[in-house]
Amino acid sequence: MEKLDLKAEFKQLYRPSAKEVSEVNVPQFSFLMIDGEGDPNTSQMCKGAVEALFSVSYAVKFSTKKDSGIDYVVMPLEGLWWADDMSSFQKAEKRNGNGH
């Protein structure tokens, strides 16, 4: 049985060129997701939510493999970050010594 790896199948989405900007068409996918607030590095809510995401992701993976014989790689965690004051991302970089 071959393991399905969407990162390898959709290289243009997960490993884009670092040398040039490119436009990509993202196909429709199903996702497990959470909404939350706070610093993901320090928030207990974020930590618990990420743990829950991975627990459910692996439970679905093993159930699918057992029931249908389809095996796949659990995809990496992705995030969409937002702040009312978008400059706060730059302020955090400067506080951590990573600013320009």
C-alpha atoms as a PDB file:
ATOM      1  CA  MET A   1       0.000   0.000   0.000  1.00  0.00           C
ATOM      2  CA  GLU A   2       1.410   3.380  -1.039  1.00  0.00           C
ATOM      3  CA  LYS A   3       1.113   6.298   1.378  1.00  0.00           C
ATOM      4  CA  LEU A   4      -0.540   9.417  -0.053  1.00  0.00           C
ATOM      5  CA  ASP A   5       1.590  12.513   0.551  1.00  0.00           C
ATOM      6  CA  LEU A   6      -0.162  15.711  -0.520  1.00  0.00           C
ATOM      7  CA  LYS A   7       2.951  17.784   0.239  1.00  0.00           C
ATOM      8  CA  ALA A   8       4.772  15.850  -2.489  1.00  0.00           C
ATOM      9  CA  GLU A   9       1.770  15.834  -4.845  1.00  0.00           C
ATOM     10  CA  PHE A  10       1.285  19.607  -4.511  1.00  0.00           C
ATOM     11  CA  LYS A  11       4.922  20.733  -4.372  1.00  0.00           C
ATOM     12  CA  GLN A  12       4.033  24.094  -5.891  1.00  0.00           C
ATOM     13  CA  LEU A  13       1.951  24.841  -2.758  1.00  0.00           C
ATOM     14  CA  TYR A  14       4.252  23.459  -0.065  1.00  0.00           C
ATOM     15  CA  ARG A  15       7.692  24.095  -1.572  1.00  0.00           C
ATOM     16  CA  PRO A  16       7.436  27.259  -3.679  1.00  0.00           C
ATOM     17  CA  SER A  17      10.513  28.799  -5.239  1.00  0.00           C
ATOM     18  CA  ALA A  18      12.480  31.082  -2.935  1.00  0.00           C
ATOM     19  CA  LYS A  19      13.875  32.876  -5.987  1.00  0.00           C
ATOM     20  CA  GLU A  20      10.701  34.177  -7.581  1.00  0.00           C
ATOM     21  CA  VAL A  21       7.155  35.164  -6.772  1.00  0.00           C
ATOM     22  CA  SER A  22       4.547  32.897  -8.297  1.00  0.00           C
ATOM     23  CA  GLU A  23       0.782  32.780  -8.380  1.00  0.00           C
ATOM     24  CA  VAL A  24      -0.757  29.414  -7.509  1.00  0.00           C
ATOM     25  CA  ASN A  25      -4.240  27.988  -7.792  1.00  0.00           C
ATOM     26  CA  VAL A  26      -5.126  26.149  -4.609  1.00  0.00           C
ATOM     27  CA  PRO A  27      -7.633  23.345  -5.129  1.00  0.00           C
ATOM     28  CA  GLN A  28     -10.503  22.877  -2.731  1.00  0.00           C
ATOM     29  CA  PHE A  29      -9.455  20.858   0.329  1.00  0.00           C
ATOM     30  CA  SER A  30     -11.130  19.832   3.568  1.00  0.00           C
ATOM     31  CA  PHE A  31      -9.440  21.006   6.763  1.00  0.00           C
ATOM     32  CA  LEU A  32      -9.592  20.523  10.499  1.00  0.00           C
ATOM     33  CA  MET A  33      -9.280  23.947  12.058  1.00  0.00           C
ATOM     34  CA  ILE A  34      -9.535  25.987  15.214  1.00  0.00           C
ATOM     35  CA  ASP A  35     -10.027  29.655  15.959  1.00  0.00           C
ATOM     36  CA  GLY A  36      -8.272  31.189  18.894  1.00  0.00           C
ATOM     37  CA  GLU A  37      -6.722  34.244  20.461  1.00  0.00           C
ATOM     38  CA  GLY A  38      -3.434  35.058  22.024  1.00  0.00           C
ATOM     39  CA  ASP A  39       0.221  34.329  21.514  1.00  0.00           C
ATOM     40  CA  PRO A  40       0.476  30.747  20.223  1.00  0.00           C
ATOM     41  CA  ASN A  41       3.833  30.408  21.975  1.00  0.00           C
ATOM     42  CA  THR A  42       2.447  31.113  25.433  1.00  0.00           C
ATOM     43  CA  SER A  43      -1.335  30.636  25.313  1.00  0.00           C
ATOM     44  CA  GLN A  44      -2.629  27.535  27.115  1.00  0.00           C
ATOM     45  CA  MET A  45      -5.735  27.670  24.887  1.00  0.00           C
ATOM     46  CA  CYS A  46      -3.592  27.534  21.738  1.00  0.00           C
ATOM     47  CA  LYS A  47      -1.488  24.695  23.127  1.00  0.00           C
ATOM     48  CA  GLY A  48      -4.592  22.654  23.997  1.00  0.00           C
ATOM     49  CA  ALA A  49      -6.195  23.388  20.628  1.00  0.00           C
ATOM     50  CA  VAL A  50      -3.100  22.270  18.700  1.00  0.00           C
ATOM     51  CA  GLU A  51      -2.931  19.080  20.771  1.00  0.00           C
ATOM     52  CA  ALA A  52      -6.606  18.438  20.003  1.00  0.00           C
ATOM     53  CA  LEU A  53      -6.055  19.060  16.274  1.00  0.00           C
ATOM     54  CA  PHE A  54      -3.260  16.513  16.113  1.00  0.00           C
ATOM     55  CA  SER A  55      -5.194  13.989  18.217  1.00  0.00           C
ATOM     56  CA  VAL A  56      -8.201  14.193  15.886  1.00  0.00           C
ATOM     57  CA  SER A  57      -5.986  14.223  12.772  1.00  0.00           C
ATOM     58  CA  TYR A  58      -4.229  11.004  13.743  1.00  0.00           C
ATOM     59  CA  ALA A  59      -7.469   9.340  14.890  1.00  0.00           C
ATOM     60  CA  VAL A  60      -9.019  10.072  11.465  1.00  0.00           C
ATOM     61  CA  LYS A  61      -5.868   8.862   9.684  1.00  0.00           C
ATOM     62  CA  PHE A  62      -5.783   5.509  11.493  1.00  0.00           C
ATOM     63  CA  SER A  63      -9.537   5.024  11.194  1.00  0.00           C
ATOM     64  CA  THR A  64      -9.385   5.707   7.445  1.00  0.00           C
ATOM     65  CA  LYS A  65      -6.465   3.320   7.042  1.00  0.00           C
ATOM     66  CA  LYS A  66      -8.278   0.595   8.975  1.00  0.00           C
ATOM     67  CA  ASP A  67     -11.667   1.053   7.271  1.00  0.00           C
ATOM     68  CA  SER A  68     -10.621   1.734   3.670  1.00  0.00           C
ATOM     69  CA  GLY A  69      -6.951   0.814   3.462  1.00  0.00           C
ATOM     70  CA  ILE A  70      -6.017   4.366   2.463  1.00  0.00           C
ATOM     71  CA  ASP A  71      -2.900   5.638   4.217  1.00  0.00           C
ATOM     72  CA  TYR A  72      -1.702   9.233   4.077  1.00  0.00           C
ATOM     73  CA  VAL A  73       0.725  11.654   5.660  1.00  0.00           C
ATOM     74  CA  VAL A  74      -0.862  13.986   8.218  1.00  0.00           C
ATOM     75  CA  MET A  75      -0.251  17.468   6.876  1.00  0.00           C
ATOM     76  CA  PRO A  76       1.794  20.059   8.775  1.00  0.00           C
ATOM     77  CA  LEU A  77       0.119  22.648  10.921  1.00  0.00           C
ATOM     78  CA  GLU A  78      -0.612  25.901   9.107  1.00  0.00           C
ATOM     79  CA  GLY A  79      -1.629  29.198  10.624  1.00  0.00           C
ATOM     80  CA  LEU A  80      -3.387  32.358   9.599  1.00  0.00           C
ATOM     81  CA  TRP A  81      -2.445  35.192  11.916  1.00  0.00           C
ATOM     82  CA  TRP A  82      -4.281  38.430  12.361  1.00  0.00           C
ATOM     83  CA  ALA A  83      -4.089  41.414  14.658  1.00  0.00           C
ATOM     84  CA  ASP A  84      -6.200  44.547  14.929  1.00  0.00           C
ATOM     85  CA  ASP A  85      -2.889  46.418  14.792  1.00  0.00           C
ATOM     86  CA  MET A  86      -0.829  44.579  12.148  1.00  0.00           C
ATOM     87  CA  SER A  87       2.298  46.495  13.203  1.00  0.00           C
ATOM     88  CA  SER A  88       2.254  44.401  16.398  1.00  0.00           C
ATOM     89  CA  PHE A  89       3.898  41.606  14.389  1.00  0.00           C
ATOM     90  CA  GLN A  90       6.853  43.903  13.709  1.00  0.00           C
ATOM     91  CA  LYS A  91       6.941  45.021  17.338  1.00  0.00           C
ATOM     92  CA  ALA A  92       7.157  41.371  18.439  1.00  0.00           C
ATOM     93  CA  GLU A  93      10.067  40.774  16.031  1.00  0.00           C
ATOM     94  CA  LYS A  94      11.956  43.754  17.448  1.00  0.00           C
ATOM     95  CA  ARG A  95      11.326  42.578  21.041  1.00  0.00           C
ATOM     96  CA  ASN A  96      12.738  39.157  20.138  1.00  0.00           C
ATOM     97  CA  GLY A  97      15.849  40.626  18.511  1.00  0.00           C
ATOM     98  CA  ASN A  98      14.797  39.636  14.992  1.00  0.00           C
ATOM     99  CA  GLY A  99      13.845  43.099  13.771  1.00  0.00           C
ATOM    100  CA  HIS A 100      15.614  45.110  11.109  1.00  0.00           C
END
